[in-house]
Protein backbone atom coordinates (compact mmCIF):
# COMPACT_ATOMS: atom_id res chain seq x y z
CA MET A 1 -38.24 -68.39 -39.20
CA GLU A 2 -37.96 -71.49 -40.38
CA GLU A 3 -35.33 -74.50 -39.92
CA ILE A 4 -34.60 -77.10 -42.73
CA LYS A 5 -33.42 -80.26 -41.83
CA GLN A 6 -32.62 -81.84 -45.04
CA SER A 7 -29.00 -80.51 -44.93
CA PRO A 8 -26.34 -81.59 -43.22
CA ARG A 9 -26.34 -78.29 -40.99
CA PRO A 10 -29.61 -76.48 -40.19
CA MET A 11 -29.83 -73.24 -41.79
CA LEU A 12 -32.27 -70.47 -41.14
CA VAL A 13 -34.38 -69.52 -44.22
CA GLY A 14 -36.85 -66.37 -43.85
CA LEU A 15 -34.80 -63.71 -42.78
CA ASP A 16 -34.89 -59.49 -43.74
CA PHE A 17 -32.16 -58.28 -44.49
CA PRO A 18 -30.85 -56.93 -41.10
CA MET A 19 -30.76 -60.50 -39.81
CA ALA A 20 -28.85 -61.72 -42.55
CA LEU A 21 -26.32 -58.77 -42.34
CA LYS A 22 -26.06 -59.47 -38.33
CA ALA A 23 -24.74 -63.41 -39.58
CA ILE A 24 -22.82 -62.08 -42.25
CA ILE A 25 -20.62 -60.07 -39.57
CA ASP A 26 -20.62 -62.77 -37.39
CA GLY A 27 -18.42 -64.68 -39.94
CA LYS A 28 -21.72 -66.88 -41.52
CA THR A 29 -22.80 -66.51 -45.12
CA ALA A 30 -26.29 -65.57 -46.40
CA THR A 31 -27.42 -66.36 -50.17
CA LYS A 32 -31.02 -65.35 -50.86
CA MET A 33 -33.91 -67.69 -51.95
CA GLU A 34 -34.30 -65.97 -55.22
CA TRP A 35 -30.52 -66.48 -56.41
CA ALA A 36 -31.14 -70.07 -58.40
CA ASN A 37 -27.44 -70.37 -58.46
CA LYS A 38 -26.25 -71.90 -54.65
CA GLU A 39 -22.44 -70.89 -55.19
CA ILE A 40 -23.87 -66.93 -55.10
CA TYR A 41 -23.40 -66.21 -51.55
CA GLY A 42 -22.45 -62.92 -49.42
CA VAL A 43 -19.72 -62.89 -47.01
CA LEU A 44 -17.39 -60.17 -45.15
CA LYS A 45 -14.16 -60.33 -46.27
CA ASP A 46 -11.32 -57.76 -45.05
CA GLY A 47 -14.12 -55.56 -43.70
CA PHE A 48 -15.84 -55.62 -46.97
CA LEU A 49 -19.38 -57.01 -48.16
CA MET A 50 -18.64 -59.06 -50.79
CA LEU A 51 -20.54 -61.53 -53.41
CA HIS A 52 -19.11 -64.71 -53.93
CA LYS A 53 -20.08 -66.04 -57.46
CA ALA A 54 -20.35 -69.25 -59.19
CA ASP A 55 -16.91 -68.51 -60.58
CA GLY A 56 -15.30 -68.91 -57.69
CA LYS A 57 -14.18 -65.27 -56.94
CA ASP A 58 -15.48 -62.63 -54.51
CA TYR A 59 -16.80 -59.23 -56.16
CA GLN A 60 -17.48 -56.39 -53.69
CA TRP A 61 -21.21 -56.61 -53.71
CA LEU A 62 -23.49 -53.26 -54.46
CA LEU A 63 -26.73 -53.71 -52.74
CA SER A 64 -29.78 -53.46 -54.57
CA GLU A 65 -33.43 -52.65 -53.14
CA ALA A 66 -34.32 -56.15 -53.85
CA ASP A 67 -31.63 -56.75 -51.01
CA LEU A 68 -32.27 -54.27 -49.00
CA MET A 69 -35.89 -55.02 -48.49
CA GLY A 70 -36.46 -58.89 -49.22
CA HIS A 71 -37.45 -61.13 -46.52
CA ASP A 72 -36.33 -64.65 -48.69
CA TRP A 73 -32.39 -64.33 -47.21
CA ARG A 74 -31.31 -67.48 -45.61
CA ILE A 75 -27.75 -68.66 -43.92
CA ILE A 76 -25.78 -71.31 -45.48
CA GLU A 77 -22.86 -73.25 -44.04
CA LEU A 78 -20.45 -73.80 -46.53
CA PRO A 79 -19.16 -77.62 -47.01
CA THR A 80 -15.43 -77.68 -45.43
CA GLU A 81 -12.94 -79.41 -47.92
CA LEU A 82 -11.06 -82.39 -46.36
CA PRO A 83 -7.03 -81.66 -46.46
CA ILE A 84 -5.08 -83.00 -48.69
CA ASP A 85 -3.48 -85.79 -46.76
CA VAL A 86 -7.08 -87.03 -45.87
CA ILE A 87 -8.52 -87.57 -49.19
CA ASN A 88 -4.96 -89.23 -50.41
């Protein structure tokens, strides 16, 4: 497991699926390094594993063997949006 310092908040990389799943259950988001699009990530929503995709929608996550056996999972922290009154 390695920590990356380039991002504003460190993220863990090189995790297996059970470690990524635990992080998702704990309220974090996880993505696979092989997923080139950084807007795709797994999240727990209303008790279901969901896959958030680049179109901004969440889809029920049907896990593949590659998802389950992969050791390329990373935990990411999504940027928080500023309230509209702070922007204006």
